[in-house]
Amino acid sequence: MNILKGNYVFKLYLNINNSIKLVKLLNTDAIKLNKTKIALNSKQDVAFVNAKSNHLDELTVRVTQPFVGFLSKSKARRAISYSVLYPLMRLLPLRKVMVFDAYWSSKFDSNEKLMYEYVQKHHPEIKTVWFFKNSQTEINGNGLRVKTDSFKYWYYLAVSKYLIQNTNFPNQYLKRKNQIEVETLHGTFLKHMGFDEPYFRTATPKIQNAFARRNRRWDYMVVPSEYMARTASSAFDYHQKLIKAGFPRNDELYTNNNETYINHVKEKLGIPKDKKSYFIRTNISC
């Protein structure tokens, strides 16, 4: 293995607007490399590239998106947005806006994605907004992407008529009269969730009360079965309205349950048309 010994130089390439850019030459001799700033889609959208090697000379590259805008750049200014400006913005009239937040603002996915696509197609009069930790997250349609904890994030929490999520909004968010919040859940529970989890079951009264307050904000909870109607209602101590219509993300299993579509998928995946295929979910973390 001596032939593999020596110093290595790493070249980092990023795909930016369908163009490959060389961002930094990285050398493992450097313990910590300075931040490199790269532009993304506009002057307001940037990212920082951090690269460093550990004591084992293992190189780690991390791309992070900083906050931009006068009211969001520093932690102190962001605190003003939710502690001072957000309460004032709650006095503004509600707008015909629907916001979506999936998996702690990390993905364009799940029931929220299917509901968003339906609204985009059938109700163009409703403005659609997605909350993301990374506002460069790709979505389809013309929805607005907003970075969490930014000024715009608190603005849309204050004035949006409809709020769709599967992981709750922060404690600082106070649902207004006539706002409608919908909890869509992650999936069918195959383990303890909510107050049945050891964490919440043994938590301090402060943590339990905060969790209960977040759950009581929901006007509707989407459930796929009678089992989930009972289990989720008990787990979250939920006593509001249930929508027993199944998960929107599973609608495709019914609407596209035809030979033409099935053969198209098999051909795309390289599966012989005479072979039976099964849909099996492997993620049971809920």
Protein backbone atom coordinates (compact mmCIF):
# COMPACT_ATOMS: atom_id res chain seq x y z
CA MET A 1 0.00 0.00 0.00
CA ASN A 2 3.04 2.30 0.00
CA ILE A 3 2.11 3.38 -3.51
CA LEU A 4 -0.92 5.20 -2.02
CA LYS A 5 1.16 7.26 0.42
CA GLY A 6 1.70 10.97 -0.10
CA ASN A 7 -0.06 14.31 -0.06
CA TYR A 8 -3.27 14.73 -2.03
CA VAL A 9 -4.82 17.84 -3.52
CA PHE A 10 -8.60 17.87 -3.79
CA LYS A 11 -10.54 19.93 -6.28
CA LEU A 12 -14.09 20.81 -5.29
CA TYR A 13 -16.58 21.32 -8.10
CA LEU A 14 -20.15 22.52 -7.61
CA ASN A 15 -22.99 22.52 -10.10
CA ILE A 16 -24.26 26.10 -10.03
CA ASN A 17 -27.07 27.00 -12.44
CA ASN A 18 -26.19 23.95 -14.58
CA SER A 19 -22.61 25.15 -14.87
CA ILE A 20 -19.71 23.32 -13.21
CA LYS A 21 -17.59 25.73 -11.14
CA LEU A 22 -14.24 25.08 -9.46
CA VAL A 23 -14.70 26.55 -6.00
CA LYS A 24 -11.54 25.74 -4.07
CA LEU A 25 -8.34 23.72 -4.19
CA LEU A 26 -8.23 21.74 -0.98
CA ASN A 27 -5.07 20.32 0.56
CA THR A 28 -5.13 17.92 3.50
CA ASP A 29 -2.07 19.65 4.98
CA ALA A 30 -4.36 22.50 6.00
CA ILE A 31 -6.04 21.95 9.33
CA LYS A 32 -8.80 24.43 8.58
CA LEU A 33 -9.49 26.27 5.36
CA ASN A 34 -11.12 29.68 5.22
CA LYS A 35 -14.69 30.09 4.10
CA THR A 36 -15.28 30.48 0.39
CA LYS A 37 -18.32 32.46 -0.65
CA ILE A 38 -20.17 31.38 -3.78
CA ALA A 39 -23.14 32.94 -5.50
CA LEU A 40 -26.16 30.79 -6.27
CA ASN A 41 -29.21 32.11 -8.09
CA SER A 42 -28.98 35.80 -7.30
CA LYS A 43 -27.00 38.41 -5.40
CA GLN A 44 -29.13 37.67 -2.34
CA ASP A 45 -28.61 33.90 -2.43
CA VAL A 46 -25.16 32.79 -1.31
CA ALA A 47 -23.58 29.82 0.37
CA PHE A 48 -20.41 29.27 2.36
CA VAL A 49 -18.12 26.32 1.68
CA ASN A 50 -16.17 25.11 4.70
CA ALA A 51 -13.50 22.44 4.43
CA LYS A 52 -11.32 21.00 7.16
CA SER A 53 -9.38 17.86 7.95
CA ASN A 54 -9.36 16.04 11.27
CA HIS A 55 -6.52 14.29 13.10
CA LEU A 56 -6.94 11.31 10.78
CA ASP A 57 -6.53 13.52 7.70
CA GLU A 58 -10.13 12.84 6.74
CA LEU A 59 -11.44 15.77 4.75
CA THR A 60 -14.91 17.14 5.43
CA VAL A 61 -16.63 19.64 3.14
CA ARG A 62 -19.72 21.44 4.35
CA VAL A 63 -21.90 23.89 2.44
CA THR A 64 -24.10 26.18 4.56
CA GLN A 65 -26.48 28.95 3.62
CA PRO A 66 -26.17 32.10 5.73
CA PHE A 67 -28.98 34.51 6.53
CA VAL A 68 -29.25 37.50 4.21
CA GLY A 69 -31.13 40.77 4.52
CA PHE A 70 -30.82 43.55 7.09
CA LEU A 71 -33.35 42.06 9.53
CA SER A 72 -31.99 38.52 9.34
CA LYS A 73 -28.22 38.76 9.15
CA SER A 74 -27.48 38.60 12.89
CA LYS A 75 -28.99 36.54 15.68
CA ALA A 76 -29.96 39.73 17.54
CA ARG A 77 -31.85 41.09 14.52
CA ARG A 78 -33.64 37.78 14.02
CA ALA A 79 -34.71 37.94 17.65
CA ILE A 80 -36.29 41.32 16.94
CA SER A 81 -38.22 39.78 14.03
CA TYR A 82 -40.05 37.26 16.22
CA SER A 83 -40.16 39.13 19.54
CA VAL A 84 -41.10 42.62 18.32
CA LEU A 85 -42.13 42.61 14.66
CA TYR A 86 -44.03 39.31 14.62
CA PRO A 87 -46.57 40.42 17.28
CA LEU A 88 -47.12 43.63 15.30
CA MET A 89 -47.52 41.78 11.99
CA ARG A 90 -50.22 39.63 13.60
CA LEU A 91 -52.36 42.80 13.54
CA LEU A 92 -52.30 42.82 9.74
CA PRO A 93 -55.25 41.30 7.82
CA LEU A 94 -54.99 37.63 6.97
CA ARG A 95 -54.06 36.95 3.36
CA LYS A 96 -55.11 34.13 1.04
CA VAL A 97 -51.76 32.40 1.53
CA MET A 98 -51.03 28.73 2.26
CA VAL A 99 -47.68 27.83 3.81
CA PHE A 100 -46.13 24.35 3.80
CA ASP A 101 -43.49 22.87 6.10
CA ALA A 102 -42.34 19.24 5.84
CA TYR A 103 -39.92 17.36 8.08
CA TRP A 104 -38.66 20.33 10.10
CA SER A 105 -38.32 22.54 7.00
CA SER A 106 -35.85 20.16 5.40
CA LYS A 107 -37.65 18.66 2.38
CA PHE A 108 -40.02 19.27 -0.51
CA ASP A 109 -41.84 16.04 0.19
CA SER A 110 -44.62 14.06 1.84
CA ASN A 111 -48.30 14.99 2.08
CA GLU A 112 -47.39 18.67 1.97
CA LYS A 113 -45.93 18.27 -1.53
CA LEU A 114 -49.06 16.59 -2.89
CA MET A 115 -51.37 19.14 -1.26
CA TYR A 116 -49.22 21.96 -2.65
CA GLU A 117 -49.40 20.52 -6.16
CA TYR A 118 -53.19 20.22 -5.88
CA VAL A 119 -53.54 23.84 -4.76
CA GLN A 120 -51.22 25.01 -7.53
CA LYS A 121 -53.38 23.26 -10.12
CA HIS A 122 -56.89 23.87 -8.83
CA HIS A 123 -56.61 27.08 -6.75
CA PRO A 124 -54.16 29.47 -8.40
CA GLU A 125 -55.80 32.31 -6.50
CA ILE A 126 -54.05 31.05 -3.32
CA LYS A 127 -50.44 32.15 -2.89
CA THR A 128 -48.25 29.21 -1.86
CA VAL A 129 -45.15 29.45 0.36
CA TRP A 130 -42.65 26.80 1.45
CA PHE A 131 -40.50 27.08 4.59
CA PHE A 132 -36.98 25.67 4.27
CA LYS A 133 -33.77 25.78 6.28
CA ASN A 134 -32.12 26.04 2.86
CA SER A 135 -34.16 28.33 0.65
CA GLN A 136 -32.39 26.91 -2.42
CA THR A 137 -34.27 23.61 -1.97
CA GLU A 138 -35.75 22.74 -5.34
CA ILE A 139 -39.52 22.71 -5.75
CA ASN A 140 -41.85 22.55 -8.73
CA GLY A 141 -44.45 25.16 -9.54
CA ASN A 142 -44.21 28.85 -8.67
CA GLY A 143 -44.34 28.64 -4.87
CA LEU A 144 -42.25 31.07 -2.86
CA ARG A 145 -39.36 29.59 -0.85
CA VAL A 146 -38.67 31.26 2.50
CA LYS A 147 -35.79 30.58 4.87
CA THR A 148 -36.82 29.65 8.41
CA ASP A 149 -36.32 32.23 11.18
CA SER A 150 -35.95 35.04 8.64
CA PHE A 151 -38.13 38.16 8.64
CA LYS A 152 -40.27 36.73 5.82
CA TYR A 153 -40.74 33.52 7.80
CA TRP A 154 -42.38 35.39 10.68
CA TYR A 155 -44.32 37.59 8.28
CA TYR A 156 -45.98 34.61 6.59
CA LEU A 157 -46.64 32.91 9.93
CA ALA A 158 -48.43 36.11 10.92
CA VAL A 159 -50.61 36.72 7.85
CA SER A 160 -51.18 33.31 6.17
CA LYS A 161 -54.72 31.95 6.26
CA TYR A 162 -53.69 28.28 5.90
CA LEU A 163 -50.73 26.47 7.49
CA ILE A 164 -49.89 22.88 6.52
CA GLN A 165 -47.18 20.92 8.35
CA ASN A 166 -46.16 17.51 9.67
CA THR A 167 -43.74 18.44 12.47
CA ASN A 168 -45.26 21.48 14.22
CA PHE A 169 -44.22 25.12 14.10
CA PRO A 170 -42.02 26.80 16.76
CA ASN A 171 -43.31 27.74 20.19
CA GLN A 172 -43.10 31.46 19.33
CA TYR A 173 -45.78 31.04 16.67
CA LEU A 174 -49.22 31.98 18.01
CA LYS A 175 -52.09 30.91 15.80
CA ARG A 176 -54.50 33.73 15.11
CA LYS A 177 -58.27 33.59 15.08
CA ASN A 178 -59.44 32.36 11.66
CA GLN A 179 -56.07 30.88 10.79
CA ILE A 180 -56.36 27.19 9.89
CA GLU A 181 -53.54 24.78 10.75
CA VAL A 182 -53.45 21.22 9.44
CA GLU A 183 -51.26 18.41 10.83
CA THR A 184 -50.63 15.73 8.18
CA LEU A 185 -48.43 13.29 10.18
CA HIS A 186 -45.40 11.38 8.88
CA GLY A 187 -47.03 8.01 8.39
CA THR A 188 -48.71 5.15 10.25
CA PHE A 189 -47.26 4.76 13.73
CA LEU A 190 -45.20 1.60 14.17
CA LYS A 191 -43.61 2.81 17.38
CA HIS A 192 -44.47 5.09 20.31
CA MET A 193 -45.13 8.70 19.29
CA GLY A 194 -46.14 11.93 20.96
CA PHE A 195 -46.87 11.65 24.68
CA ASP A 196 -46.33 7.88 24.41
CA GLU A 197 -42.63 8.47 23.66
CA PRO A 198 -40.32 8.02 26.66
CA TYR A 199 -38.92 11.53 26.08
CA PHE A 200 -42.26 13.28 26.48
CA ARG A 201 -43.65 10.80 29.00
CA THR A 202 -40.80 11.56 31.41
CA ALA A 203 -40.21 15.20 30.41
CA THR A 204 -40.58 18.16 32.72
CA PRO A 205 -44.02 19.82 33.00
CA LYS A 206 -42.64 22.78 31.03
CA ILE A 207 -41.71 20.59 28.05
CA GLN A 208 -44.96 18.62 28.21
CA ASN A 209 -47.07 21.79 28.38
CA ALA A 210 -45.22 23.36 25.43
CA PHE A 211 -45.80 20.21 23.35
CA ALA A 212 -49.48 20.14 24.31
CA ARG A 213 -49.87 23.82 23.32
CA ARG A 214 -48.36 23.14 19.90
CA ASN A 215 -50.72 20.23 19.34
CA ARG A 216 -53.77 22.21 20.42
CA ARG A 217 -53.11 24.70 17.60
CA TRP A 218 -54.11 22.08 15.01
CA ASP A 219 -57.58 22.58 13.57
CA TYR A 220 -57.43 19.36 11.56
CA MET A 221 -55.35 16.18 11.61
CA VAL A 222 -55.12 13.97 8.52
CA VAL A 223 -55.34 10.23 9.27
CA PRO A 224 -55.27 7.26 6.86
CA SER A 225 -57.27 4.76 8.93
CA GLU A 226 -59.44 4.16 11.99
CA TYR A 227 -56.36 2.74 13.71
CA MET A 228 -54.48 6.02 13.21
CA ALA A 229 -57.55 8.02 14.21
CA ARG A 230 -57.45 6.33 17.61
CA THR A 231 -53.67 6.04 18.00
CA ALA A 232 -52.68 9.54 16.88
CA SER A 233 -55.50 11.22 18.80
CA SER A 234 -54.34 9.48 21.97
CA ALA A 235 -50.62 10.05 21.34
CA PHE A 236 -51.05 13.79 20.82
CA ASP A 237 -53.97 14.26 23.23
CA TYR A 238 -55.84 15.65 20.23
CA HIS A 239 -59.57 16.35 20.39
CA GLN A 240 -60.19 18.49 17.30
CA LYS A 241 -61.43 17.50 13.85
CA LEU A 242 -60.05 14.50 11.94
CA ILE A 243 -59.82 14.23 8.15
CA LYS A 244 -60.25 10.52 7.45
CA ALA A 245 -59.30 10.70 3.80
CA GLY A 246 -56.00 8.84 3.71
CA PHE A 247 -52.60 10.37 3.07
CA PRO A 248 -52.45 12.57 -0.06
CA ARG A 249 -49.00 11.18 -0.86
CA ASN A 250 -50.59 7.72 -1.31
CA ASP A 251 -53.22 8.89 -3.80
CA GLU A 252 -50.93 7.95 -6.68
CA LEU A 253 -51.18 4.31 -5.67
CA TYR A 254 -54.88 4.50 -6.53
CA THR A 255 -55.03 7.02 -9.37
CA ASN A 256 -52.21 5.34 -11.31
CA ASN A 257 -53.22 1.76 -10.59
CA ASN A 258 -53.53 0.84 -14.26
CA GLU A 259 -51.59 -1.32 -16.68
CA THR A 260 -50.26 1.56 -18.79
CA TYR A 261 -48.68 3.39 -15.87
CA ILE A 262 -47.43 0.19 -14.22
CA ASN A 263 -45.69 -0.92 -17.42
CA HIS A 264 -44.16 2.55 -17.79
CA VAL A 265 -42.65 2.31 -14.29
CA LYS A 266 -41.42 -1.24 -14.89
CA GLU A 267 -39.75 -0.19 -18.12
CA LYS A 268 -38.11 2.78 -16.38
CA LEU A 269 -36.78 0.52 -13.60
CA GLY A 270 -35.77 -2.31 -15.92
CA ILE A 271 -38.33 -4.75 -14.50
CA PRO A 272 -39.79 -7.35 -16.92
CA LYS A 273 -43.48 -6.67 -17.57
CA ASP A 274 -44.45 -10.23 -16.63
CA LYS A 275 -42.97 -9.87 -13.13
CA LYS A 276 -45.08 -8.78 -10.18
CA SER A 277 -43.83 -5.78 -8.21
CA TYR A 278 -44.53 -4.83 -4.62
CA PHE A 279 -44.45 -1.47 -2.88
CA ILE A 280 -42.80 -1.83 0.51
CA ARG A 281 -42.07 1.10 2.82
CA THR A 282 -38.83 0.62 4.73
CA ASN A 283 -38.77 3.88 6.70
CA ILE A 284 -40.72 3.21 9.88
CA SER A 285 -39.28 6.07 11.93
CA CYS A 286 -42.53 8.06 11.51
